[in-house]
């Protein structure tokens, strides 16, 4: 069964060791307006959800250019794709926010 894009994996990584923020990667291309829009939108999330953002130009690595093609921008942590083309607020929140305890 395929998991909806906004559903985080059951084994998603927790906070980085030593209290460091988690590292997300934004795969982009130069002169890509969608890439700039996503990068700008992520700035508002960065401090609130405590993550660091690494921006990678896929055209500087032939393997990445083939892997992502025209799918950029792509926001990922490791091999897990959080969203692509547009920032999916629900997907980012579901992936990064700690689970809430269930009230009984």
N, C-alpha and C. Protein backbone atom coordinates (compact mmCIF):
# COMPACT_ATOMS: atom_id res chain seq x y z
N UNK A 1 0.84 -1.18 0.00
CA UNK A 1 0.00 0.00 0.00
C UNK A 1 0.88 1.24 0.00
N UNK A 2 0.60 2.16 -0.84
CA UNK A 2 1.39 3.39 -0.94
C UNK A 2 0.90 4.41 0.07
N UNK A 3 1.83 5.01 0.80
CA UNK A 3 1.52 6.01 1.82
C UNK A 3 1.29 7.36 1.14
N UNK A 4 0.22 8.10 1.53
CA UNK A 4 0.04 9.44 0.97
C UNK A 4 1.27 10.29 1.24
N UNK A 5 1.56 11.22 0.33
CA UNK A 5 2.77 12.03 0.44
C UNK A 5 2.88 12.76 1.78
N UNK A 6 1.76 13.22 2.34
CA UNK A 6 1.83 14.00 3.56
C UNK A 6 1.95 13.14 4.81
N UNK A 7 1.89 11.82 4.68
CA UNK A 7 2.05 10.94 5.82
C UNK A 7 3.52 10.64 6.04
N UNK A 8 4.07 10.96 7.23
CA UNK A 8 5.47 10.65 7.47
C UNK A 8 5.65 9.15 7.63
N UNK A 9 6.84 8.63 7.34
CA UNK A 9 7.07 7.20 7.52
C UNK A 9 7.02 6.85 8.99
N UNK A 10 6.67 5.59 9.29
CA UNK A 10 6.61 5.15 10.68
C UNK A 10 7.98 5.21 11.35
N UNK A 11 9.02 5.06 10.57
CA UNK A 11 10.38 5.05 11.13
C UNK A 11 11.12 6.35 10.83
N UNK A 12 10.40 7.48 10.78
CA UNK A 12 11.06 8.75 10.48
C UNK A 12 12.10 9.04 11.55
N UNK A 13 13.20 9.67 11.17
CA UNK A 13 14.23 9.97 12.14
C UNK A 13 13.74 10.96 13.18
N UNK A 14 14.24 10.82 14.39
CA UNK A 14 13.90 11.76 15.45
C UNK A 14 14.83 12.94 15.39
N UNK A 15 14.86 13.74 16.45
CA UNK A 15 15.77 14.88 16.48
C UNK A 15 17.21 14.42 16.32
N UNK A 16 18.02 15.28 15.77
CA UNK A 16 19.44 14.95 15.58
C UNK A 16 20.11 14.79 16.95
N UNK A 17 21.12 13.94 17.02
CA UNK A 17 21.82 13.73 18.29
C UNK A 17 22.41 15.03 18.81
N UNK A 18 22.48 15.15 20.13
CA UNK A 18 23.10 16.31 20.74
C UNK A 18 22.25 17.56 20.65
N UNK A 19 20.95 17.40 20.36
CA UNK A 19 20.08 18.57 20.30
C UNK A 19 20.26 19.42 19.05
N UNK A 20 21.06 18.95 18.10
CA UNK A 20 21.24 19.71 16.85
C UNK A 20 19.96 19.65 16.03
N UNK A 21 19.69 20.68 15.23
CA UNK A 21 18.50 20.63 14.38
C UNK A 21 18.67 19.57 13.30
N UNK A 22 17.56 19.06 12.84
CA UNK A 22 17.58 18.08 11.75
C UNK A 22 18.00 18.79 10.47
N UNK A 23 18.63 18.06 9.57
CA UNK A 23 19.11 18.63 8.32
C UNK A 23 18.20 18.20 7.17
N UNK A 24 17.53 19.17 6.58
CA UNK A 24 16.72 18.92 5.39
C UNK A 24 17.49 19.41 4.18
N UNK A 25 17.25 18.78 3.05
CA UNK A 25 17.91 19.17 1.82
C UNK A 25 16.86 19.65 0.83
N UNK A 26 17.12 20.80 0.24
CA UNK A 26 16.26 21.33 -0.81
C UNK A 26 17.04 21.23 -2.12
N UNK A 27 16.56 20.37 -3.01
CA UNK A 27 17.19 20.19 -4.32
C UNK A 27 16.58 21.20 -5.28
N UNK A 28 17.43 21.99 -5.93
CA UNK A 28 16.98 23.11 -6.77
C UNK A 28 17.75 23.15 -8.09
N UNK A 29 17.33 24.09 -8.92
CA UNK A 29 18.05 24.45 -10.15
C UNK A 29 18.16 25.97 -10.17
N UNK A 30 19.21 26.46 -10.83
CA UNK A 30 19.33 27.91 -11.01
C UNK A 30 18.19 28.39 -11.91
N UNK A 31 17.78 29.63 -11.66
CA UNK A 31 16.73 30.27 -12.45
C UNK A 31 15.43 29.48 -12.45
N UNK A 32 15.11 28.90 -11.31
CA UNK A 32 13.87 28.13 -11.13
C UNK A 32 12.98 28.90 -10.16
N UNK A 33 11.91 29.49 -10.67
CA UNK A 33 11.06 30.30 -9.80
C UNK A 33 10.38 29.48 -8.71
N UNK A 34 10.02 28.23 -9.00
CA UNK A 34 9.42 27.38 -7.97
C UNK A 34 10.42 27.09 -6.85
N UNK A 35 11.69 26.93 -7.23
CA UNK A 35 12.74 26.68 -6.25
C UNK A 35 12.88 27.87 -5.31
N UNK A 36 12.89 29.08 -5.87
CA UNK A 36 13.01 30.28 -5.05
C UNK A 36 11.80 30.45 -4.13
N UNK A 37 10.61 30.14 -4.65
CA UNK A 37 9.40 30.24 -3.83
C UNK A 37 9.45 29.28 -2.66
N UNK A 38 9.86 28.02 -2.91
CA UNK A 38 9.92 27.06 -1.82
C UNK A 38 10.98 27.45 -0.81
N UNK A 39 12.11 27.90 -1.30
CA UNK A 39 13.19 28.31 -0.39
C UNK A 39 12.73 29.45 0.52
N UNK A 40 12.04 30.42 -0.04
CA UNK A 40 11.52 31.53 0.74
C UNK A 40 10.48 31.08 1.75
N UNK A 41 9.59 30.19 1.34
CA UNK A 41 8.55 29.70 2.25
C UNK A 41 9.15 28.88 3.40
N UNK A 42 10.24 28.19 3.14
CA UNK A 42 10.88 27.39 4.19
C UNK A 42 11.52 28.24 5.27
N UNK A 43 11.90 29.46 4.94
CA UNK A 43 12.51 30.35 5.94
C UNK A 43 11.59 30.55 7.14
N UNK A 44 10.28 30.65 6.89
CA UNK A 44 9.32 30.84 7.98
C UNK A 44 9.23 29.60 8.88
N UNK A 45 9.51 28.44 8.35
CA UNK A 45 9.42 27.19 9.10
C UNK A 45 10.70 26.87 9.86
N UNK A 46 11.83 27.38 9.37
CA UNK A 46 13.15 26.95 9.86
C UNK A 46 13.32 27.08 11.36
N UNK A 47 13.03 28.23 11.93
CA UNK A 47 13.24 28.41 13.37
C UNK A 47 12.12 27.78 14.18
N UNK A 48 10.91 27.82 13.66
CA UNK A 48 9.77 27.29 14.40
C UNK A 48 9.85 25.77 14.56
N UNK A 49 10.29 25.07 13.53
CA UNK A 49 10.35 23.61 13.59
C UNK A 49 11.78 23.10 13.79
N UNK A 50 12.71 24.00 14.00
CA UNK A 50 14.08 23.67 14.34
C UNK A 50 14.73 22.66 13.39
N UNK A 51 14.97 23.12 12.17
CA UNK A 51 15.73 22.32 11.22
C UNK A 51 16.71 23.24 10.51
N UNK A 52 17.75 22.62 9.99
CA UNK A 52 18.71 23.34 9.16
C UNK A 52 18.43 22.97 7.71
N UNK A 53 18.67 23.90 6.82
CA UNK A 53 18.38 23.67 5.40
C UNK A 53 19.66 23.72 4.59
N UNK A 54 19.88 22.66 3.83
CA UNK A 54 21.00 22.60 2.90
C UNK A 54 20.40 22.68 1.51
N UNK A 55 20.91 23.59 0.69
CA UNK A 55 20.41 23.77 -0.67
C UNK A 55 21.43 23.19 -1.64
N UNK A 56 20.95 22.29 -2.52
CA UNK A 56 21.82 21.60 -3.47
C UNK A 56 21.31 21.85 -4.88
N UNK A 57 22.19 22.37 -5.75
CA UNK A 57 21.85 22.57 -7.16
C UNK A 57 22.06 21.24 -7.88
N UNK A 58 20.99 20.65 -8.36
CA UNK A 58 21.08 19.33 -8.98
C UNK A 58 21.91 19.33 -10.26
N UNK A 59 22.03 20.48 -10.91
CA UNK A 59 22.79 20.54 -12.15
C UNK A 59 24.29 20.48 -11.92
N UNK A 60 24.73 20.59 -10.68
CA UNK A 60 26.16 20.46 -10.38
C UNK A 60 26.58 19.01 -10.19
N UNK A 61 25.63 18.08 -10.19
CA UNK A 61 25.92 16.66 -10.02
C UNK A 61 25.08 15.89 -11.05
N UNK A 62 25.73 15.30 -12.07
CA UNK A 62 24.97 14.62 -13.12
C UNK A 62 24.01 13.55 -12.60
N UNK A 63 24.39 12.84 -11.54
CA UNK A 63 23.51 11.80 -10.98
C UNK A 63 22.23 12.43 -10.40
N UNK A 64 22.39 13.57 -9.73
CA UNK A 64 21.21 14.24 -9.17
C UNK A 64 20.34 14.82 -10.28
N UNK A 65 20.96 15.34 -11.32
CA UNK A 65 20.20 15.88 -12.44
C UNK A 65 19.33 14.80 -13.07
N UNK A 66 19.87 13.61 -13.19
CA UNK A 66 19.10 12.48 -13.75
C UNK A 66 18.03 12.05 -12.76
N UNK A 67 18.40 11.94 -11.48
CA UNK A 67 17.46 11.47 -10.45
C UNK A 67 16.22 12.36 -10.34
N UNK A 68 16.43 13.69 -10.36
CA UNK A 68 15.31 14.58 -10.14
C UNK A 68 14.69 15.14 -11.42
N UNK A 69 15.44 15.16 -12.51
CA UNK A 69 14.88 15.66 -13.76
C UNK A 69 14.21 17.00 -13.58
N UNK A 70 12.94 17.08 -13.98
CA UNK A 70 12.19 18.33 -13.87
C UNK A 70 11.33 18.36 -12.61
N UNK A 71 11.60 17.48 -11.67
CA UNK A 71 10.79 17.38 -10.45
C UNK A 71 11.11 18.48 -9.43
N UNK A 72 12.20 19.21 -9.59
CA UNK A 72 12.61 20.21 -8.62
C UNK A 72 11.61 21.35 -8.52
N UNK A 73 11.55 21.99 -7.37
CA UNK A 73 12.31 21.73 -6.16
C UNK A 73 11.78 20.51 -5.41
N UNK A 74 12.70 19.84 -4.70
CA UNK A 74 12.35 18.69 -3.88
C UNK A 74 12.90 18.94 -2.48
N UNK A 75 12.05 18.79 -1.47
CA UNK A 75 12.48 18.89 -0.08
C UNK A 75 12.55 17.47 0.47
N UNK A 76 13.71 17.14 1.05
CA UNK A 76 13.92 15.78 1.53
C UNK A 76 14.74 15.78 2.80
N UNK A 77 14.64 14.67 3.51
CA UNK A 77 15.57 14.38 4.60
C UNK A 77 16.10 12.99 4.30
N UNK A 78 17.40 12.93 4.05
CA UNK A 78 17.98 11.65 3.62
C UNK A 78 17.32 11.23 2.32
N UNK A 79 16.84 10.00 2.26
CA UNK A 79 16.19 9.50 1.05
C UNK A 79 14.68 9.71 1.05
N UNK A 80 14.15 10.29 2.12
CA UNK A 80 12.71 10.47 2.20
C UNK A 80 12.30 11.83 1.62
N UNK A 81 11.47 11.79 0.59
CA UNK A 81 10.97 13.02 -0.03
C UNK A 81 9.76 13.52 0.75
N UNK A 82 9.87 14.73 1.25
CA UNK A 82 8.78 15.33 2.01
C UNK A 82 7.75 15.95 1.07
N UNK A 83 8.22 16.71 0.07
CA UNK A 83 7.33 17.29 -0.93
C UNK A 83 8.16 17.75 -2.12
N UNK A 84 7.48 18.06 -3.22
CA UNK A 84 8.17 18.58 -4.39
C UNK A 84 7.27 19.58 -5.12
N UNK A 85 7.89 20.39 -5.96
CA UNK A 85 7.29 21.47 -6.74
C UNK A 85 6.80 22.63 -5.87
N UNK A 86 5.98 22.36 -4.86
CA UNK A 86 5.45 23.40 -3.98
C UNK A 86 5.61 22.93 -2.55
N UNK A 87 5.79 23.88 -1.64
CA UNK A 87 5.90 23.52 -0.23
C UNK A 87 4.53 23.05 0.26
N UNK A 88 4.48 21.84 0.74
CA UNK A 88 3.26 21.25 1.28
C UNK A 88 3.32 21.43 2.79
N UNK A 89 2.64 22.47 3.30
CA UNK A 89 2.69 22.78 4.73
C UNK A 89 2.29 21.59 5.59
N UNK A 90 1.24 20.88 5.18
CA UNK A 90 0.78 19.73 5.96
C UNK A 90 1.83 18.63 6.01
N UNK A 91 2.51 18.40 4.89
CA UNK A 91 3.54 17.36 4.85
C UNK A 91 4.73 17.74 5.73
N UNK A 92 5.14 19.00 5.67
CA UNK A 92 6.27 19.46 6.49
C UNK A 92 5.91 19.35 7.96
N UNK A 93 4.73 19.80 8.32
CA UNK A 93 4.28 19.75 9.72
C UNK A 93 4.20 18.29 10.19
N UNK A 94 3.59 17.43 9.41
CA UNK A 94 3.44 16.02 9.79
C UNK A 94 4.80 15.35 9.94
N UNK A 95 5.73 15.74 9.10
CA UNK A 95 7.05 15.10 9.13
C UNK A 95 7.92 15.60 10.27
N UNK A 96 7.86 16.89 10.57
CA UNK A 96 8.79 17.48 11.53
C UNK A 96 8.26 17.65 12.95
N UNK A 97 6.96 17.88 13.09
CA UNK A 97 6.44 18.09 14.45
C UNK A 97 6.41 16.78 15.20
N UNK A 98 6.72 16.84 16.51
CA UNK A 98 6.64 15.61 17.30
C UNK A 98 5.18 15.15 17.39
N UNK A 99 4.96 13.84 17.50
CA UNK A 99 3.58 13.35 17.61
C UNK A 99 2.93 13.85 18.89
N UNK A 100 1.67 14.14 18.80
CA UNK A 100 0.93 14.59 19.99
C UNK A 100 0.41 13.37 20.74
N UNK A 101 0.45 13.41 22.07
CA UNK A 101 -0.10 12.29 22.84
C UNK A 101 -1.61 12.20 22.65
N UNK A 102 -2.11 11.00 22.66
CA UNK A 102 -3.54 10.78 22.52
C UNK A 102 -4.21 10.95 23.88
N UNK A 103 -5.22 11.81 23.93
CA UNK A 103 -5.94 12.04 25.19
C UNK A 103 -6.83 10.85 25.50
N UNK A 104 -6.85 10.45 26.74
CA UNK A 104 -7.72 9.33 27.12
C UNK A 104 -8.72 9.75 28.13
